[in-house]
Amino acid sequence: MTQKVAVLGTGKIGEALLSGMIRAGWAPVDLMVTARRSERAEELRTRYGVTPVTNPEAAKTADTLILTVKPQDMGTLLDELAPHVPVDRLVISGAAGIPTSYFEQRFAPGTPVVRVMTNTPALVDEAMSVISAGSHATRDHLEHAEEIFGAVGKTLRVPESQQDACTALSGSGPAYFFYLVEAMTDAGILLGLPRDKAHDLIVQAAIGAAVMLRDSGEHPVKLRENVTSPAGTTINAIRELENHGVRAALIAALEAARDRSRELASGNG
């Protein structure tokens, strides 16, 4: 792994990516970081042994640039980078809603761009990173992006036309589960359990259910039916979920997230 990689705008996700790459075998000497605050850059140098640089320095010297700033800050970053990015640099964007064409229009013609939507479980090496090629990105570029983001979880290639749906489903997905756990914890308290015990019960149920979904090969309907006895407790709970339109609400919520991703892409931020 001799290619030099720069993470620009290194927040929590960028730091998780750095940490995962080092554990996966990247040498810190081959990793560069930029940060808005100099104290943050020095903190990363101390913690990981990586090299803090300016954005133009990263553009001039790194083989791969990973842009992890917020979507609303991307235009300013690209204005700073564009004069310094050679056409052979691989640019990887982690910004929600921004298409690869946005970057291709601002960099030299032919610059390869890969779009990646990851999520916060990157912080515990359980991310799902969805990867799409821009018009100049090759199979080698995609494989390099997969190698990088594979350090913090799983990767999946999709056509860029599916990125907004993946953002709604996977990028925002952990928040839906946190919301559900929050609601179930409140229900446990209502039923008479202390908060800490309700939390532990629900978290372990979530972990166990996720492992079963991942490893059993069974359809989720089958797994649910295995828990649902005739005239039992579970079917009564499921009936209430259906009566309150939980399934329809989830579908509507994901459509709303997809639509917001499209708005970001169109510049209506």
Protein backbone atom coordinates (compact mmCIF):
# COMPACT_ATOMS: atom_id res chain seq x y z
CA MET A 1 0.00 0.00 0.00
CA THR A 2 2.29 2.74 -1.24
CA GLN A 3 -0.31 5.15 -2.57
CA LYS A 4 -0.68 8.35 -0.59
CA VAL A 5 -4.20 9.09 0.58
CA ALA A 6 -5.46 12.40 1.97
CA VAL A 7 -8.63 12.79 4.03
CA LEU A 8 -9.92 16.34 3.67
CA GLY A 9 -12.10 17.81 6.40
CA THR A 10 -11.39 15.11 8.95
CA GLY A 11 -14.36 14.88 11.30
CA LYS A 12 -15.67 11.78 13.07
CA ILE A 13 -16.22 9.73 9.93
CA GLY A 14 -12.92 10.84 8.43
CA GLU A 15 -11.11 9.90 11.63
CA ALA A 16 -12.86 6.51 11.72
CA LEU A 17 -11.69 5.94 8.16
CA LEU A 18 -8.10 6.85 9.05
CA SER A 19 -8.12 4.57 12.06
CA GLY A 20 -9.56 1.68 10.06
CA MET A 21 -7.05 2.13 7.24
CA ILE A 22 -4.14 2.01 9.67
CA ARG A 23 -5.49 -1.17 11.29
CA ALA A 24 -5.90 -2.63 7.78
CA GLY A 25 -2.23 -2.05 6.98
CA TRP A 26 -1.80 1.47 5.62
CA ALA A 27 1.34 3.14 6.91
CA PRO A 28 0.62 6.44 8.70
CA VAL A 29 3.42 8.04 6.67
CA ASP A 30 1.28 7.52 3.55
CA LEU A 31 -1.78 9.20 5.08
CA MET A 32 -2.46 12.94 5.12
CA VAL A 33 -5.22 14.93 6.77
CA THR A 34 -6.67 18.40 6.55
CA ALA A 35 -8.85 20.03 9.17
CA ARG A 36 -10.45 23.42 9.60
CA ARG A 37 -8.71 23.98 12.95
CA SER A 38 -4.97 23.54 13.38
CA GLU A 39 -5.50 22.05 16.87
CA ARG A 40 -7.63 19.30 15.31
CA ALA A 41 -4.93 18.53 12.74
CA GLU A 42 -2.29 18.28 15.46
CA GLU A 43 -4.57 16.03 17.51
CA LEU A 44 -4.77 13.63 14.55
CA ARG A 45 -1.00 13.74 14.07
CA THR A 46 -0.45 12.86 17.74
CA ARG A 47 -3.07 10.13 17.78
CA TYR A 48 -2.29 8.37 14.49
CA GLY A 49 1.08 9.62 13.24
CA VAL A 50 -0.48 11.00 10.04
CA THR A 51 0.69 14.18 8.33
CA PRO A 52 -1.39 17.37 8.56
CA VAL A 53 -1.33 19.42 5.34
CA THR A 54 -3.28 22.21 3.70
CA ASN A 55 -5.95 21.41 1.14
CA PRO A 56 -3.78 22.60 -1.80
CA GLU A 57 -0.82 20.54 -0.49
CA ALA A 58 -3.04 17.46 -0.31
CA ALA A 59 -4.21 18.04 -3.89
CA LYS A 60 -0.63 18.33 -5.14
CA THR A 61 0.89 15.34 -3.33
CA ALA A 62 -1.75 12.69 -2.56
CA ASP A 63 -2.74 10.03 -5.09
CA THR A 64 -6.28 9.83 -3.67
CA LEU A 65 -8.33 12.66 -2.16
CA ILE A 66 -11.23 11.70 0.12
CA LEU A 67 -13.58 14.65 0.62
CA THR A 68 -15.47 14.30 3.91
CA VAL A 69 -16.76 17.84 4.46
CA LYS A 70 -20.47 18.59 4.81
CA PRO A 71 -22.39 19.05 1.54
CA GLN A 72 -22.91 22.76 2.21
CA ASP A 73 -19.13 23.25 2.55
CA MET A 74 -18.18 21.32 -0.59
CA GLY A 75 -18.31 24.26 -3.02
CA THR A 76 -15.83 26.27 -0.96
CA LEU A 77 -13.49 23.28 -0.70
CA LEU A 78 -13.60 22.65 -4.45
CA ASP A 79 -12.84 26.29 -5.20
CA GLU A 80 -9.69 25.88 -3.11
CA LEU A 81 -8.73 22.50 -4.58
CA ALA A 82 -9.54 22.80 -8.27
CA PRO A 83 -6.44 24.74 -9.42
CA HIS A 84 -4.16 22.14 -7.80
CA VAL A 85 -5.73 18.76 -8.70
CA PRO A 86 -3.94 16.96 -11.57
CA VAL A 87 -6.10 14.92 -13.91
CA ASP A 88 -4.70 11.62 -12.61
CA ARG A 89 -5.89 12.19 -9.02
CA LEU A 90 -8.68 9.96 -7.77
CA VAL A 91 -11.31 12.07 -6.01
CA ILE A 92 -13.65 10.24 -3.61
CA SER A 93 -16.64 12.19 -2.32
CA GLY A 94 -18.46 11.20 0.85
CA ALA A 95 -20.99 14.05 0.69
CA ALA A 96 -24.67 13.14 0.67
CA GLY A 97 -26.67 14.14 -2.36
CA ILE A 98 -23.87 15.59 -4.50
CA PRO A 99 -23.47 13.80 -7.88
CA THR A 100 -20.13 12.98 -9.45
CA SER A 101 -20.92 15.38 -12.30
CA TYR A 102 -20.70 18.28 -9.82
CA PHE A 103 -17.05 17.43 -9.22
CA GLU A 104 -16.24 16.58 -12.82
CA GLN A 105 -17.40 20.04 -13.92
CA ARG A 106 -15.02 21.70 -11.47
CA PHE A 107 -11.89 19.62 -11.99
CA ALA A 108 -9.80 19.09 -15.12
CA PRO A 109 -11.59 17.10 -17.84
CA GLY A 110 -11.08 13.38 -17.31
CA THR A 111 -10.56 13.52 -13.53
CA PRO A 112 -11.85 10.24 -12.02
CA VAL A 113 -14.48 10.69 -9.32
CA VAL A 114 -16.05 8.02 -7.11
CA ARG A 115 -19.08 8.73 -4.92
CA VAL A 116 -19.38 6.92 -1.60
CA MET A 117 -22.23 7.03 0.92
CA THR A 118 -21.09 5.50 4.20
CA ASN A 119 -22.75 5.65 7.63
CA THR A 120 -21.87 6.20 11.27
CA PRO A 121 -21.24 2.53 12.16
CA ALA A 122 -17.88 3.22 10.49
CA LEU A 123 -16.99 4.33 14.03
CA VAL A 124 -17.18 0.65 15.11
CA ASP A 125 -16.03 -0.95 11.83
CA GLU A 126 -19.59 -1.97 10.88
CA ALA A 127 -20.30 0.60 8.16
CA MET A 128 -22.17 0.01 4.95
CA SER A 129 -20.46 2.05 2.23
CA VAL A 130 -22.26 2.35 -1.10
CA ILE A 131 -19.93 3.09 -4.03
CA SER A 132 -20.66 4.53 -7.49
CA ALA A 133 -18.36 5.44 -10.36
CA GLY A 134 -18.31 8.78 -12.10
CA SER A 135 -17.96 8.92 -15.87
CA HIS A 136 -14.13 8.73 -15.79
CA ALA A 137 -13.66 6.23 -12.93
CA THR A 138 -12.37 2.80 -13.90
CA ARG A 139 -12.69 -0.61 -12.28
CA ASP A 140 -9.31 -0.03 -10.61
CA HIS A 141 -10.59 3.20 -9.09
CA LEU A 142 -13.65 1.42 -7.72
CA GLU A 143 -11.53 -1.37 -6.29
CA HIS A 144 -9.28 1.18 -4.61
CA ALA A 145 -12.31 2.88 -3.05
CA GLU A 146 -13.57 -0.51 -1.87
CA GLU A 147 -10.17 -1.26 -0.33
CA ILE A 148 -10.26 2.01 1.61
CA PHE A 149 -13.84 1.83 2.84
CA GLY A 150 -13.65 -1.92 3.38
CA ALA A 151 -11.38 -1.07 6.31
CA VAL A 152 -14.43 0.13 8.28
CA GLY A 153 -17.13 -2.32 7.19
CA LYS A 154 -18.86 -3.67 4.11
CA THR A 155 -19.05 -2.10 0.66
CA LEU A 156 -21.60 -2.34 -2.14
CA ARG A 157 -21.40 -1.05 -5.71
CA VAL A 158 -24.52 0.52 -7.19
CA PRO A 159 -25.28 2.71 -10.23
CA GLU A 160 -25.19 6.36 -9.23
CA SER A 161 -28.90 6.63 -10.04
CA GLN A 162 -29.54 4.51 -6.92
CA GLN A 163 -27.43 6.62 -4.56
CA ASP A 164 -30.31 8.76 -3.26
CA ALA A 165 -32.27 5.62 -2.35
CA CYS A 166 -29.21 4.16 -0.63
CA THR A 167 -28.69 7.39 1.29
CA ALA A 168 -32.26 7.16 2.58
CA LEU A 169 -32.05 3.48 3.43
CA SER A 170 -28.48 3.02 4.63
CA GLY A 171 -26.84 6.41 5.12
CA SER A 172 -29.65 7.57 7.40
CA GLY A 173 -30.58 4.02 8.41
CA PRO A 174 -28.81 3.85 11.80
CA ALA A 175 -30.86 6.84 13.00
CA TYR A 176 -34.09 4.93 12.41
CA PHE A 177 -32.86 2.07 14.60
CA PHE A 178 -31.73 4.48 17.32
CA TYR A 179 -35.17 6.10 17.18
CA LEU A 180 -36.86 2.70 17.49
CA VAL A 181 -34.68 1.73 20.47
CA GLU A 182 -35.50 5.07 22.10
CA ALA A 183 -39.23 4.43 21.69
CA MET A 184 -38.98 0.82 22.92
CA THR A 185 -36.98 1.95 25.95
CA ASP A 186 -39.73 4.41 26.85
CA ALA A 187 -42.25 1.58 26.45
CA GLY A 188 -40.19 -0.61 28.79
CA ILE A 189 -40.24 2.15 31.42
CA LEU A 190 -44.02 2.47 30.99
CA LEU A 191 -44.27 -1.29 31.58
CA GLY A 192 -42.39 -0.94 34.86
CA LEU A 193 -38.74 -1.61 33.98
CA PRO A 194 -35.82 0.60 35.04
CA ARG A 195 -34.32 2.50 32.10
CA ASP A 196 -30.96 0.70 32.20
CA LYS A 197 -32.55 -2.75 32.19
CA ALA A 198 -34.96 -1.82 29.39
CA HIS A 199 -32.02 -0.48 27.37
CA ASP A 200 -29.92 -3.63 27.86
CA LEU A 201 -32.82 -5.91 26.92
CA ILE A 202 -33.60 -4.00 23.73
CA VAL A 203 -29.99 -3.57 22.58
CA GLN A 204 -29.26 -7.28 22.97
CA ALA A 205 -32.50 -8.15 21.16
CA ALA A 206 -31.42 -5.84 18.32
CA ILE A 207 -27.93 -7.39 18.12
CA GLY A 208 -29.33 -10.92 18.18
CA ALA A 209 -31.94 -10.14 15.54
CA ALA A 210 -29.35 -8.47 13.29
CA VAL A 211 -27.00 -11.48 13.50
CA MET A 212 -29.88 -13.82 12.68
CA LEU A 213 -30.82 -11.71 9.67
CA ARG A 214 -27.21 -11.67 8.49
CA ASP A 215 -26.29 -15.30 9.12
CA SER A 216 -29.43 -17.43 8.86
CA GLY A 217 -30.25 -16.85 5.19
CA GLU A 218 -33.93 -16.70 6.16
CA HIS A 219 -36.36 -14.06 4.92
CA PRO A 220 -37.30 -11.56 7.67
CA VAL A 221 -40.94 -12.63 7.37
CA LYS A 222 -39.93 -16.21 8.21
CA LEU A 223 -37.86 -15.07 11.18
CA ARG A 224 -40.74 -12.95 12.46
CA GLU A 225 -43.19 -15.83 12.03
CA ASN A 226 -40.90 -18.03 14.13
CA VAL A 227 -41.47 -15.65 17.05
CA THR A 228 -45.20 -15.18 16.43
CA SER A 229 -47.27 -17.89 18.13
CA PRO A 230 -51.02 -18.19 17.50
CA ALA A 231 -52.98 -15.93 19.88
CA GLY A 232 -49.72 -15.04 21.62
CA THR A 233 -48.09 -11.85 22.84
CA THR A 234 -46.16 -11.07 19.65
CA ILE A 235 -49.12 -11.20 17.28
CA ASN A 236 -51.01 -8.78 19.52
CA ALA A 237 -48.08 -6.38 19.35
CA ILE A 238 -47.81 -6.77 15.56
CA ARG A 239 -51.52 -6.02 15.22
CA GLU A 240 -51.05 -2.74 17.06
CA LEU A 241 -48.08 -1.82 14.86
CA GLU A 242 -50.20 -2.44 11.76
CA ASN A 243 -53.18 -0.55 13.25
CA HIS A 244 -50.95 2.47 13.80
CA GLY A 245 -49.55 2.37 10.28
CA VAL A 246 -45.93 1.77 11.27
CA ARG A 247 -45.09 0.03 7.99
CA ALA A 248 -46.60 2.85 5.92
CA ALA A 249 -44.87 5.45 8.10
CA LEU A 250 -41.48 3.81 7.50
CA ILE A 251 -42.03 3.76 3.74
CA ALA A 252 -43.07 7.43 3.78
CA ALA A 253 -40.07 8.34 5.96
CA LEU A 254 -37.60 6.73 3.54
CA GLU A 255 -39.27 8.44 0.58
CA ALA A 256 -38.88 11.77 2.40
CA ALA A 257 -35.19 11.09 3.02
CA ARG A 258 -34.70 10.14 -0.64
CA ASP A 259 -36.45 13.32 -1.76
CA ARG A 260 -34.24 15.43 0.52
CA SER A 261 -31.15 13.80 -0.96
CA ARG A 262 -32.40 14.80 -4.41
CA GLU A 263 -32.96 18.37 -3.22
CA LEU A 264 -29.37 18.52 -1.98
CA ALA A 265 -28.18 17.26 -5.34
CA SER A 266 -30.10 19.97 -7.15
CA GLY A 267 -28.60 22.69 -4.97
CA ASN A 268 -31.76 23.42 -2.99
CA GLY A 269 -29.96 23.00 0.32
